[in-house]
Protein backbone atom coordinates (compact mmCIF):
# COMPACT_ATOMS: atom_id res chain seq x y z
CA MET A 1 -20.24 4.81 -3.19
CA GLU A 2 -18.95 1.84 -4.68
CA ILE A 3 -18.21 -1.07 -3.11
CA LEU A 4 -14.84 -1.46 -4.39
CA ASP A 5 -13.53 1.90 -3.63
CA ALA A 6 -14.99 1.37 0.11
CA ILE A 7 -12.81 -1.81 0.08
CA ILE A 8 -9.37 -0.06 -1.23
CA LEU A 9 -10.01 2.87 1.24
CA GLY A 10 -11.00 0.48 3.73
CA ILE A 11 -7.56 -2.01 3.05
CA ILE A 12 -5.74 1.94 2.49
CA GLN A 13 -6.81 2.20 5.90
CA GLY A 14 -6.04 -0.76 8.15
CA LEU A 15 -2.31 -1.04 6.72
CA THR A 16 -0.97 2.81 6.69
CA GLU A 17 -2.72 3.41 9.88
CA PHE A 18 -0.42 1.29 12.30
CA LEU A 19 3.06 0.97 9.09
CA PRO A 20 4.35 4.05 9.42
CA VAL A 21 3.92 5.73 5.89
CA SER A 22 0.34 8.23 6.90
CA SER A 23 -2.76 6.37 6.56
CA SER A 24 -4.05 10.42 6.32
CA GLY A 25 -1.65 10.66 3.21
CA HIS A 26 -2.51 7.80 1.63
CA LEU A 27 -6.43 8.31 1.71
CA GLU A 28 -5.46 11.89 0.25
CA LEU A 29 -3.93 10.39 -2.39
CA GLY A 30 -6.24 7.46 -2.79
CA LYS A 31 -8.81 9.68 -3.14
CA VAL A 32 -7.17 11.93 -6.07
CA ILE A 33 -5.90 8.38 -7.93
CA LEU A 34 -9.94 7.06 -7.62
CA GLY A 35 -11.44 10.71 -8.49
CA ASP A 36 -13.49 12.48 -6.75
CA ASN A 37 -16.63 10.90 -7.62
CA SER A 38 -15.10 7.80 -5.97
CA VAL A 39 -15.24 9.36 -2.48
CA PRO A 40 -18.40 9.39 -0.51
CA GLU A 41 -21.13 12.10 0.01
CA GLU A 42 -21.07 10.80 3.35
CA SER A 43 -17.22 11.86 3.57
CA LEU A 44 -16.76 12.11 7.67
CA LEU A 45 -19.32 9.56 8.72
CA PHE A 46 -16.78 6.87 6.23
CA THR A 47 -13.92 7.92 7.42
CA VAL A 48 -15.03 7.79 11.28
CA ILE A 49 -16.71 4.64 10.44
CA LEU A 50 -12.49 3.15 9.15
CA HIS A 51 -11.40 4.82 12.04
CA PHE A 52 -13.48 2.65 14.31
CA ALA A 53 -12.15 0.01 12.79
CA THR A 54 -8.80 0.29 13.06
CA ALA A 55 -9.23 1.22 16.77
CA LEU A 56 -11.20 -2.15 17.19
CA SER A 57 -8.49 -3.97 15.31
CA THR A 58 -6.21 -1.77 18.41
CA ILE A 59 -7.97 -3.18 20.94
CA VAL A 60 -8.30 -7.06 19.98
CA VAL A 61 -4.11 -7.41 19.25
CA PHE A 62 -3.50 -5.19 22.62
CA ARG A 63 -6.75 -6.72 24.67
CA LYS A 64 -4.76 -7.76 27.67
CA ASP A 65 -2.73 -3.83 27.10
CA VAL A 66 -6.31 -2.23 27.37
CA TRP A 67 -7.85 -4.16 30.09
CA GLU A 68 -3.95 -3.13 31.90
CA ILE A 69 -5.40 0.25 31.06
CA LEU A 70 -8.88 0.12 32.13
CA SER A 71 -7.71 -1.60 35.44
CA GLY A 72 -5.19 0.27 36.20
CA LEU A 73 -7.88 3.83 36.09
CA PHE A 74 -10.04 2.38 38.76
CA GLN A 75 -7.52 0.58 41.48
CA PHE A 76 -6.91 3.84 42.59
CA LYS A 77 -3.25 2.88 43.29
CA TRP A 78 -0.02 4.82 41.72
CA ASN A 79 1.27 1.15 40.43
CA GLU A 80 2.58 0.31 37.67
CA GLU A 81 -0.77 -0.19 35.47
CA SER A 82 -2.46 2.98 37.14
CA GLN A 83 0.98 4.85 35.87
CA PHE A 84 1.11 3.86 32.39
CA SER A 85 -2.87 4.75 32.45
CA VAL A 86 -1.64 8.77 32.80
CA LYS A 87 1.10 8.72 30.18
CA ILE A 88 -2.10 7.62 27.71
CA ILE A 89 -3.38 10.78 29.37
CA ILE A 90 -0.80 12.98 29.38
CA SER A 91 -0.46 11.74 25.55
CA MET A 92 -3.91 12.86 24.32
CA LEU A 93 -3.04 16.35 25.72
CA PRO A 94 -1.27 18.05 22.42
CA ALA A 95 -3.68 16.84 20.81
CA VAL A 96 -7.02 17.20 22.23
CA PHE A 97 -6.02 20.64 22.51
CA VAL A 98 -5.30 20.77 18.10
CA GLY A 99 -8.13 19.32 17.52
CA LEU A 100 -10.13 22.05 19.72
CA PHE A 101 -8.56 24.98 19.03
CA PHE A 102 -7.54 24.06 15.10
CA GLU A 103 -9.73 22.06 13.81
CA GLU A 104 -10.28 24.58 10.49
CA GLN A 105 -7.38 25.66 10.81
CA LEU A 106 -6.55 21.44 10.24
CA GLU A 107 -9.07 20.52 8.34
CA ALA A 108 -7.35 23.47 5.53
CA PHE A 109 -4.97 20.93 4.68
CA PHE A 110 -7.16 17.95 4.01
CA GLY A 111 -8.25 19.43 -0.02
CA GLY A 112 -6.70 17.00 -2.53
CA ASN A 113 -3.16 18.87 -2.15
CA ILE A 114 -0.67 16.27 -2.49
CA ARG A 115 2.54 18.48 -3.16
CA PHE A 116 2.55 18.97 0.51
CA VAL A 117 1.33 15.35 1.20
CA GLY A 118 4.85 14.90 -0.63
CA PHE A 119 6.91 17.16 0.96
CA MET A 120 5.57 15.07 4.57
CA LEU A 121 6.75 12.86 3.38
CA LEU A 122 9.65 12.75 3.33
CA ILE A 123 9.24 14.44 6.86
CA THR A 124 8.27 10.85 7.83
CA ALA A 125 11.51 8.74 5.93
CA VAL A 126 14.14 11.43 7.55
CA LEU A 127 12.28 10.52 11.18
CA LEU A 128 11.66 7.01 10.21
CA TYR A 129 16.04 6.75 9.11
CA PHE A 130 17.17 7.95 12.05
CA ALA A 131 14.62 5.93 14.58
CA ASP A 132 16.08 2.27 12.42
CA LYS A 133 19.52 4.12 13.06
CA ALA A 134 18.82 4.50 16.51
CA LYS A 135 19.92 1.60 19.19
CA ASP A 136 17.55 -0.46 20.82
CA THR A 137 17.60 0.03 24.77
CA ASN A 138 15.21 -1.34 27.45
CA LYS A 139 13.52 1.98 28.75
CA LYS A 140 10.12 2.67 29.25
CA VAL A 141 7.87 5.26 28.02
CA ARG A 142 8.10 8.33 30.49
CA PHE A 143 5.55 10.47 31.59
CA ALA A 144 7.71 13.42 30.31
CA THR A 145 8.54 11.51 27.22
CA ALA A 146 4.79 10.64 26.32
CA PHE A 147 4.44 14.23 26.48
CA ILE A 148 7.30 15.18 23.75
CA VAL A 149 4.91 11.89 21.61
CA GLY A 150 1.80 13.73 22.40
CA ILE A 151 3.38 16.68 20.12
CA SER A 152 4.27 14.32 17.64
CA GLN A 153 1.41 12.79 17.79
CA ALA A 154 -0.48 16.29 17.76
CA ILE A 155 1.69 17.40 14.36
CA ALA A 156 0.61 14.11 12.96
CA MET A 157 -2.25 15.13 12.47
CA LEU A 158 -1.17 17.16 9.14
CA PRO A 159 -1.27 14.49 6.42
CA GLY A 160 1.77 13.11 5.25
CA ILE A 161 3.06 13.00 8.49
CA SER A 162 2.96 9.09 9.82
CA ARG A 163 1.46 8.84 13.22
CA SER A 164 2.70 5.99 14.34
CA GLY A 165 6.27 6.65 12.51
CA ALA A 166 6.35 10.21 14.59
CA THR A 167 5.00 8.73 17.86
CA ILE A 168 7.63 5.29 17.85
CA SER A 169 10.19 7.45 16.16
CA THR A 170 10.24 10.56 17.98
CA SER A 171 10.27 7.54 21.27
CA VAL A 172 13.34 5.49 20.11
CA LEU A 173 15.20 8.78 19.33
CA LEU A 174 14.10 9.43 23.15
CA GLY A 175 15.33 6.05 24.09
CA VAL A 176 13.09 4.45 24.92
CA ASP A 177 12.62 0.31 23.71
CA LYS A 178 11.51 -0.25 20.82
CA SER A 179 8.78 -2.68 20.61
CA LYS A 180 7.58 -0.69 24.16
CA ALA A 181 7.67 2.29 22.01
CA ALA A 182 5.74 0.65 19.24
CA ARG A 183 2.96 -0.56 22.00
CA PHE A 184 2.50 3.05 23.56
CA SER A 185 1.93 4.59 20.68
CA PHE A 186 -0.64 2.14 19.32
CA LEU A 187 -2.09 2.09 22.71
CA MET A 188 -2.54 5.49 22.81
CA VAL A 189 -4.40 6.72 19.39
CA VAL A 190 -7.51 4.51 20.89
CA PRO A 191 -8.52 6.98 23.37
CA LEU A 192 -7.85 9.54 20.70
CA ILE A 193 -10.27 7.98 17.95
CA PHE A 194 -12.89 7.13 20.25
CA GLY A 195 -13.30 10.48 21.61
CA LYS A 196 -13.03 12.15 17.46
CA ILE A 197 -16.50 9.96 17.39
CA ALA A 198 -18.42 10.35 20.09
CA LYS A 199 -17.60 14.01 19.50
CA ASP A 200 -18.49 13.50 15.87
CA LEU A 201 -22.20 12.22 16.80
CA LEU A 202 -22.93 14.39 19.27
CA SER A 203 -22.05 17.83 17.19
CA GLY A 204 -25.07 16.09 14.05
CA ASP A 205 -22.28 15.96 12.01
CA LEU A 206 -23.21 12.38 10.94
CA THR A 207 -25.89 12.07 9.63
CA PHE A 208 -27.19 8.17 8.67
CA ASN A 209 -29.44 8.18 5.26
CA GLY A 210 -28.86 3.88 4.78
CA GLU A 211 -28.04 4.21 0.99
CA ASN A 212 -24.70 3.01 1.60
CA ASN A 213 -24.88 0.85 4.66
CA VAL A 214 -23.62 -2.67 2.05
CA ALA A 215 -20.41 -0.46 0.85
CA MET A 216 -19.85 1.14 4.02
CA GLY A 217 -19.67 -2.54 5.87
CA ALA A 218 -17.48 -3.67 3.48
CA GLY A 219 -14.61 -0.74 4.33
CA PHE A 220 -15.08 -1.25 7.90
CA ILE A 221 -14.00 -4.93 7.30
CA ALA A 222 -11.43 -4.56 5.52
CA ALA A 223 -10.31 -1.56 7.35
CA PHE A 224 -10.27 -3.62 10.21
CA ILE A 225 -9.17 -7.11 8.58
CA ALA A 226 -5.89 -5.07 7.49
CA GLY A 227 -5.39 -3.41 10.37
CA LEU A 228 -5.29 -6.12 12.41
CA ALA A 229 -2.18 -7.74 9.61
CA ALA A 230 -0.89 -4.33 9.59
CA CYS A 231 -1.00 -3.74 13.77
CA THR A 232 0.92 -7.21 14.22
CA TRP A 233 3.40 -7.25 11.40
CA MET A 234 4.11 -3.53 12.97
CA ILE A 235 5.51 -4.99 15.90
CA LYS A 236 7.03 -7.56 14.44
CA LEU A 237 9.13 -5.21 12.30
CA VAL A 238 10.03 -2.28 15.10
CA ARG A 239 11.34 -4.97 16.71
CA LYS A 240 13.26 -6.44 14.16
CA SER A 241 14.69 -2.48 12.69
CA LYS A 242 13.18 -2.75 9.94
CA LEU A 243 12.18 1.13 9.58
CA SER A 244 14.23 1.50 7.33
CA TYR A 245 11.70 0.51 4.16
CA PHE A 246 9.93 2.36 4.73
CA ALA A 247 12.02 5.03 4.95
CA ILE A 248 12.62 4.35 1.49
CA TYR A 249 8.66 3.70 0.60
CA CYS A 250 7.98 6.95 1.74
CA LEU A 251 11.20 9.34 0.36
CA VAL A 252 9.28 7.70 -2.86
CA VAL A 253 6.12 7.99 -2.71
CA GLY A 254 6.45 11.71 -1.31
CA LEU A 255 8.78 11.94 -4.54
CA ILE A 256 6.01 10.82 -6.80
CA ALA A 257 3.72 12.94 -4.97
CA ILE A 258 5.81 16.20 -5.45
CA VAL A 259 6.31 15.52 -8.74
CA TYR A 260 2.91 15.16 -10.06
CA GLY A 261 1.66 17.93 -7.95
CA PHE A 262 3.45 20.29 -9.45
CA MET A 263 2.38 18.70 -13.00
CA SER A 264 -0.75 18.97 -12.25
CA PRO A 265 -3.25 21.72 -13.57
């Protein structure tokens, strides 16, 4: 694995994990652009490392919120912190269900099919457009809302459907305040990422041979720094109702991916 390729993929992961343009879709496109030979053989390990980097950047940006969630779990009181913690758990259920029972079917979509990625990016563009037009409110995330948003997160496991875009858009369309929607969207994915990392470690699928430590370290740093910037930037953009810009971007990239997919052998 080349260090430059690792850095490029790390930046792609770090930016697109938080920007509503689909990190999985862009990683698939990035792999096609870089060529199969540029993708590490330890693909699963590298993917886990990049996701760990973005999860860590989320914890840094929302360190106070993460502490409130953790403290809420151990207070054993039905207060605002513990209720928010329960909402996070509820939002995880659909994605956990899909990950446990449909993992093989889901992996079939990650085979470099950029036409599929393109069509999914068009769906993301539509979601972002309508969310951008929604009126801002002061409503918080409710328990039922958390489950519905969790369903959108599960659907966003498909490459091309933006996780942050789908969850933020769903929350906003359900009447949740845009800033609160962004905060909930970013926090709800952290337990899932660490859960996925733990599952992969326990399953023995991850192998450490030490040959690509420098490149993987470079990818981790790139993803972490890009994640910090994107997470902070995205919160400001959502608050200012700038999602339409990303809708246009997803529309353009989606159409290019579809055309390229039909033209390539």
